C-alpha atoms as a PDB file:
ATOM      1  CA  UNK A   1     157.700  23.471  73.179  1.00  0.00           C
ATOM      2  CA  UNK A   2     157.537  26.772  74.972  1.00  0.00           C
ATOM      3  CA  UNK A   3     158.117  29.913  72.846  1.00  0.00           C
ATOM      4  CA  UNK A   4     157.479  33.575  73.687  1.00  0.00           C
ATOM      5  CA  UNK A   5     154.676  33.531  71.018  1.00  0.00           C
ATOM      6  CA  UNK A   6     153.001  30.623  72.953  1.00  0.00           C
ATOM      7  CA  UNK A   7     153.594  32.233  76.293  1.00  0.00           C
ATOM      8  CA  UNK A   8     151.824  35.521  75.123  1.00  0.00           C
ATOM      9  CA  UNK A   9     149.239  33.665  73.178  1.00  0.00           C
ATOM     10  CA  UNK A  10     148.365  30.238  74.688  1.00  0.00           C
ATOM     11  CA  UNK A  11     145.345  30.015  72.367  1.00  0.00           C
ATOM     12  CA  UNK A  12     147.708  29.155  69.549  1.00  0.00           C
ATOM     13  CA  UNK A  13     149.361  26.293  71.388  1.00  0.00           C
ATOM     14  CA  UNK A  14     147.216  23.737  69.636  1.00  0.00           C
ATOM     15  CA  UNK A  15     148.396  24.823  66.138  1.00  0.00           C
ATOM     16  CA  UNK A  16     151.146  22.854  64.388  1.00  0.00           C
ATOM     17  CA  UNK A  17     154.286  24.439  63.127  1.00  0.00           C
ATOM     18  CA  UNK A  18     152.894  24.352  59.565  1.00  0.00           C
ATOM     19  CA  UNK A  19     149.844  26.064  60.698  1.00  0.00           C
ATOM     20  CA  UNK A  20     151.919  28.885  62.283  1.00  0.00           C
ATOM     21  CA  UNK A  21     153.818  29.305  59.155  1.00  0.00           C
ATOM     22  CA  UNK A  22     150.680  29.555  57.038  1.00  0.00           C
ATOM     23  CA  UNK A  23     149.538  32.197  59.466  1.00  0.00           C
ATOM     24  CA  UNK A  24     152.489  34.146  58.240  1.00  0.00           C
ATOM     25  CA  UNK A  25     151.987  33.831  54.617  1.00  0.00           C
ATOM     26  CA  UNK A  26     148.090  33.596  54.226  1.00  0.00           C
ATOM     27  CA  UNK A  27     146.436  36.848  55.210  1.00  0.00           C
ATOM     28  CA  UNK A  28     142.937  35.342  55.176  1.00  0.00           C
ATOM     29  CA  UNK A  29     143.979  32.473  57.309  1.00  0.00           C
ATOM     30  CA  UNK A  30     145.637  34.994  59.800  1.00  0.00           C
ATOM     31  CA  UNK A  31     142.359  37.118  59.860  1.00  0.00           C
ATOM     32  CA  UNK A  32     140.356  33.983  60.581  1.00  0.00           C
ATOM     33  CA  UNK A  33     142.600  32.826  63.499  1.00  0.00           C
ATOM     34  CA  UNK A  34     142.851  36.351  64.761  1.00  0.00           C
ATOM     35  CA  UNK A  35     139.160  36.895  64.885  1.00  0.00           C
ATOM     36  CA  UNK A  36     138.522  33.530  66.578  1.00  0.00           C
ATOM     37  CA  UNK A  37     140.811  34.541  69.504  1.00  0.00           C
ATOM     38  CA  UNK A  38     138.874  35.070  72.800  1.00  0.00           C
ATOM     39  CA  UNK A  39     140.771  38.255  73.572  1.00  0.00           C
ATOM     40  CA  UNK A  40     139.820  39.654  70.202  1.00  0.00           C
ATOM     41  CA  UNK A  41     136.227  38.584  70.556  1.00  0.00           C
ATOM     42  CA  UNK A  42     136.030  40.368  74.060  1.00  0.00           C
ATOM     43  CA  UNK A  43     137.781  43.423  72.495  1.00  0.00           C
ATOM     44  CA  UNK A  44     135.258  43.565  69.605  1.00  0.00           C
ATOM     45  CA  UNK A  45     132.490  42.976  72.166  1.00  0.00           C
ATOM     46  CA  UNK A  46     133.608  45.883  74.426  1.00  0.00           C
ATOM     47  CA  UNK A  47     134.113  48.057  71.343  1.00  0.00           C
ATOM     48  CA  UNK A  48     130.642  47.360  70.100  1.00  0.00           C
ATOM     49  CA  UNK A  49     129.074  48.056  73.579  1.00  0.00           C
ATOM     50  CA  UNK A  50     131.053  51.360  73.805  1.00  0.00           C
ATOM     51  CA  UNK A  51     129.774  52.219  70.377  1.00  0.00           C
ATOM     52  CA  UNK A  52     126.199  51.467  71.438  1.00  0.00           C
ATOM     53  CA  UNK A  53     126.645  53.488  74.640  1.00  0.00           C
ATOM     54  CA  UNK A  54     128.076  56.425  72.715  1.00  0.00           C
ATOM     55  CA  UNK A  55     125.298  56.168  70.238  1.00  0.00           C
ATOM     56  CA  UNK A  56     122.840  56.222  72.991  1.00  0.00           C
ATOM     57  CA  UNK A  57     124.495  59.198  74.530  1.00  0.00           C
ATOM     58  CA  UNK A  58     124.567  60.993  71.249  1.00  0.00           C
ATOM     59  CA  UNK A  59     120.780  60.265  70.681  1.00  0.00           C
ATOM     60  CA  UNK A  60     119.967  61.631  74.146  1.00  0.00           C
ATOM     61  CA  UNK A  61     122.103  64.673  73.496  1.00  0.00           C
ATOM     62  CA  UNK A  62     120.168  65.195  70.070  1.00  0.00           C
ATOM     63  CA  UNK A  63     116.941  64.792  71.993  1.00  0.00           C
ATOM     64  CA  UNK A  64     118.004  67.397  74.543  1.00  0.00           C
ATOM     65  CA  UNK A  65     119.563  69.665  71.857  1.00  0.00           C
ATOM     66  CA  UNK A  66     116.495  72.012  71.190  1.00  0.00           C
ATOM     67  CA  UNK A  67     115.705  72.284  74.824  1.00  0.00           C
ATOM     68  CA  UNK A  68     119.341  73.146  75.671  1.00  0.00           C
ATOM     69  CA  UNK A  69     119.315  75.763  72.806  1.00  0.00           C
ATOM     70  CA  UNK A  70     116.122  77.301  74.118  1.00  0.00           C
ATOM     71  CA  UNK A  71     117.670  77.416  77.742  1.00  0.00           C
ATOM     72  CA  UNK A  72     120.736  78.865  76.348  1.00  0.00           C
ATOM     73  CA  UNK A  73     118.755  81.558  74.667  1.00  0.00           C
ATOM     74  CA  UNK A  74     116.589  82.288  77.756  1.00  0.00           C
ATOM     75  CA  UNK A  75     119.735  82.504  79.915  1.00  0.00           C
ATOM     76  CA  UNK A  76     121.244  84.932  77.455  1.00  0.00           C
ATOM     77  CA  UNK A  77     118.139  87.039  77.511  1.00  0.00           C
ATOM     78  CA  UNK A  78     118.006  87.025  81.327  1.00  0.00           C
ATOM     79  CA  UNK A  79     121.734  87.930  81.354  1.00  0.00           C
ATOM     80  CA  UNK A  80     121.183  90.864  78.869  1.00  0.00           C
ATOM     81  CA  UNK A  81     118.272  92.032  80.972  1.00  0.00           C
ATOM     82  CA  UNK A  82     120.202  91.829  84.114  1.00  0.00           C
ATOM     83  CA  UNK A  83     123.016  93.957  82.557  1.00  0.00           C
ATOM     84  CA  UNK A  84     120.423  96.499  81.269  1.00  0.00           C
ATOM     85  CA  UNK A  85     118.942  96.686  84.809  1.00  0.00           C
ATOM     86  CA  UNK A  86     122.344  97.096  86.219  1.00  0.00           C
ATOM     87  CA  UNK A  87     123.071 100.115  83.896  1.00  0.00           C
ATOM     88  CA  UNK A  88     119.608 101.534  84.832  1.00  0.00           C
ATOM     89  CA  UNK A  89     120.392 101.002  88.561  1.00  0.00           C
ATOM     90  CA  UNK A  90     123.541 103.079  88.150  1.00  0.00           C
ATOM     91  CA  UNK A  91     121.636 105.862  86.361  1.00  0.00           C
ATOM     92  CA  UNK A  92     118.863 105.914  89.148  1.00  0.00           C
ATOM     93  CA  UNK A  93     121.538 105.807  91.862  1.00  0.00           C
ATOM     94  CA  UNK A  94     123.167 108.804  90.316  1.00  0.00           C
ATOM     95  CA  UNK A  95     119.880 110.649  90.042  1.00  0.00           C
ATOM     96  CA  UNK A  96     118.988 109.707  93.688  1.00  0.00           C
ATOM     97  CA  UNK A  97     122.350 111.006  94.816  1.00  0.00           C
ATOM     98  CA  UNK A  98     121.726 114.298  92.941  1.00  0.00           C
ATOM     99  CA  UNK A  99     118.300 114.617  94.577  1.00  0.00           C
ATOM    100  CA  UNK A 100     119.402 113.743  98.028  1.00  0.00           C
ATOM    101  CA  UNK A 101     122.400 116.046  97.749  1.00  0.00           C
ATOM    102  CA  UNK A 102     119.769 118.973  97.874  1.00  0.00           C
ATOM    103  CA  UNK A 103     118.999 117.821 101.381  1.00  0.00           C
ATOM    104  CA  UNK A 104     122.466 117.217 102.695  1.00  0.00           C
ATOM    105  CA  UNK A 105     123.357 119.117 105.901  1.00  0.00           C
ATOM    106  CA  UNK A 106     125.881 121.260 104.049  1.00  0.00           C
ATOM    107  CA  UNK A 107     123.433 122.183 101.323  1.00  0.00           C
ATOM    108  CA  UNK A 108     120.681 123.011 103.748  1.00  0.00           C
ATOM    109  CA  UNK A 109     122.924 125.140 105.879  1.00  0.00           C
ATOM    110  CA  UNK A 110     123.969 127.138 102.749  1.00  0.00           C
ATOM    111  CA  UNK A 111     120.324 127.619 101.932  1.00  0.00           C
ATOM    112  CA  UNK A 112     119.505 128.731 105.525  1.00  0.00           C
ATOM    113  CA  UNK A 113     122.283 131.243 105.354  1.00  0.00           C
ATOM    114  CA  UNK A 114     121.268 132.559 101.933  1.00  0.00           C
ATOM    115  CA  UNK A 115     117.686 132.879 103.072  1.00  0.00           C
ATOM    116  CA  UNK A 116     118.868 134.653 106.291  1.00  0.00           C
ATOM    117  CA  UNK A 117     120.689 137.192 104.180  1.00  0.00           C
ATOM    118  CA  UNK A 118     117.632 137.458 101.702  1.00  0.00           C
ATOM    119  CA  UNK A 119     115.346 138.096 104.749  1.00  0.00           C
ATOM    120  CA  UNK A 120     117.677 140.868 106.138  1.00  0.00           C
ATOM    121  CA  UNK A 121     117.768 142.450 102.733  1.00  0.00           C
ATOM    122  CA  UNK A 122     114.011 142.386 102.420  1.00  0.00           C
ATOM    123  CA  UNK A 123     113.441 143.841 105.871  1.00  0.00           C
ATOM    124  CA  UNK A 124     116.070 146.587 105.294  1.00  0.00           C
ATOM    125  CA  UNK A 125     114.394 147.445 101.749  1.00  0.00           C
ATOM    126  CA  UNK A 126     111.111 147.670 103.512  1.00  0.00           C
ATOM    127  CA  UNK A 127     112.482 150.093 106.148  1.00  0.00           C
ATOM    128  CA  UNK A 128     114.195 152.126 103.413  1.00  0.00           C
ATOM    129  CA  UNK A 129     111.091 152.317 101.403  1.00  0.00           C
ATOM    130  CA  UNK A 130     108.979 153.436 104.397  1.00  0.00           C
ATOM    131  CA  UNK A 131     111.545 156.138 105.320  1.00  0.00           C
ATOM    132  CA  UNK A 132     111.632 157.406 101.663  1.00  0.00           C
ATOM    133  CA  UNK A 133     107.835 157.535 101.561  1.00  0.00           C
ATOM    134  CA  UNK A 134     107.761 159.372 104.917  1.00  0.00           C
ATOM    135  CA  UNK A 135     110.309 161.996 103.822  1.00  0.00           C
ATOM    136  CA  UNK A 136     108.465 162.561 100.478  1.00  0.00           C
ATOM    137  CA  UNK A 137     104.913 162.896 101.893  1.00  0.00           C
ATOM    138  CA  UNK A 138     105.930 164.842 104.996  1.00  0.00           C
ATOM    139  CA  UNK A 139     106.528 163.704 108.447  1.00  0.00           C
ATOM    140  CA  UNK A 140     102.963 163.662 109.899  1.00  0.00           C
ATOM    141  CA  UNK A 141      99.730 163.236 108.107  1.00  0.00           C
ATOM    142  CA  UNK A 142      96.270 162.474 109.552  1.00  0.00           C
ATOM    143  CA  UNK A 143      96.234 158.877 108.011  1.00  0.00           C
ATOM    144  CA  UNK A 144     100.054 158.453 108.678  1.00  0.00           C
ATOM    145  CA  UNK A 145      99.242 156.551 111.930  1.00  0.00           C
ATOM    146  CA  UNK A 146      97.576 153.679 109.982  1.00  0.00           C
ATOM    147  CA  UNK A 147     100.541 153.450 107.617  1.00  0.00           C
ATOM    148  CA  UNK A 148     103.096 153.482 110.346  1.00  0.00           C
ATOM    149  CA  UNK A 149     101.138 150.713 112.125  1.00  0.00           C
ATOM    150  CA  UNK A 150     101.125 148.612 109.005  1.00  0.00           C
ATOM    151  CA  UNK A 151     104.858 149.222 108.442  1.00  0.00           C
ATOM    152  CA  UNK A 152     105.635 148.219 112.154  1.00  0.00           C
ATOM    153  CA  UNK A 153     103.633 144.999 111.783  1.00  0.00           C
ATOM    154  CA  UNK A 154     105.156 144.085 108.414  1.00  0.00           C
ATOM    155  CA  UNK A 155     108.718 145.089 109.494  1.00  0.00           C
ATOM    156  CA  UNK A 156     108.357 143.087 112.875  1.00  0.00           C
ATOM    157  CA  UNK A 157     107.241 139.916 111.141  1.00  0.00           C
ATOM    158  CA  UNK A 158     110.202 140.161 108.603  1.00  0.00           C
ATOM    159  CA  UNK A 159     112.699 140.724 111.324  1.00  0.00           C
ATOM    160  CA  UNK A 160     111.179 137.887 113.448  1.00  0.00           C
ATOM    161  CA  UNK A 161     111.781 135.455 110.595  1.00  0.00           C
ATOM    162  CA  UNK A 162     115.332 136.923 110.130  1.00  0.00           C
ATOM    163  CA  UNK A 163     116.210 136.411 113.773  1.00  0.00           C
ATOM    164  CA  UNK A 164     114.757 132.934 113.830  1.00  0.00           C
ATOM    165  CA  UNK A 165     116.869 132.078 110.791  1.00  0.00           C
ATOM    166  CA  UNK A 166     120.033 133.745 112.195  1.00  0.00           C
ATOM    167  CA  UNK A 167     119.518 131.908 115.537  1.00  0.00           C
ATOM    168  CA  UNK A 168     119.166 128.502 113.690  1.00  0.00           C
ATOM    169  CA  UNK A 169     122.271 129.318 111.581  1.00  0.00           C
ATOM    170  CA  UNK A 170     124.201 130.098 114.590  1.00  0.00           C
ATOM    171  CA  UNK A 171     123.282 127.015 116.544  1.00  0.00           C
ATOM    172  CA  UNK A 172     123.979 124.950 113.455  1.00  0.00           C
ATOM    173  CA  UNK A 173     127.489 126.394 113.135  1.00  0.00           C
ATOM    174  CA  UNK A 174     128.128 125.772 116.742  1.00  0.00           C
ATOM    175  CA  UNK A 175     127.255 122.139 116.331  1.00  0.00           C
ATOM    176  CA  UNK A 176     124.200 122.222 118.488  1.00  0.00           C
ATOM    177  CA  UNK A 177     121.958 120.843 115.623  1.00  0.00           C
ATOM    178  CA  UNK A 178     122.567 117.253 114.588  1.00  0.00           C
ATOM    179  CA  UNK A 179     120.892 115.789 111.479  1.00  0.00           C
ATOM    180  CA  UNK A 180     119.923 112.199 111.338  1.00  0.00           C
ATOM    181  CA  UNK A 181     121.480 110.373 108.315  1.00  0.00           C
ATOM    182  CA  UNK A 182     118.608 108.084 107.577  1.00  0.00           C
END
């Protein structure tokens, strides 16, 4: 006789009808027959192997746990140090930009123009001072020639520096001077 039960479980084909009815009424007999089936034995064997493999993996993970925590801690420290260095880099870059700004072509041209004006003012102040001294002390004195020579030498030097600066400023404004960007 072929039934859907026997088609699905051919291992039960050797059991009599009374044995099959006992399977339904006796839970211990059902458990005994169930655990004797090859499919169930294979399933339990696979379950046991998976359990042992899982236990082996868990033991390996536990063995590696301390070194992984240590590595995580070192990685976190390295990351924090990198962030700190990145912040420091931005500060240094800002300071460098401020320092380099004093050497930018626009800033240098401005300083040249200011120093040219200051040089002109200094030479004019020297000339005014000399004229005032000459007017107060009289036009000619016996030692006046030495004072005039000294004035001329000093005034000439101041004007020479002024004209050099004025010439460089003019050339720069005309675009005849190019600054390297490196």
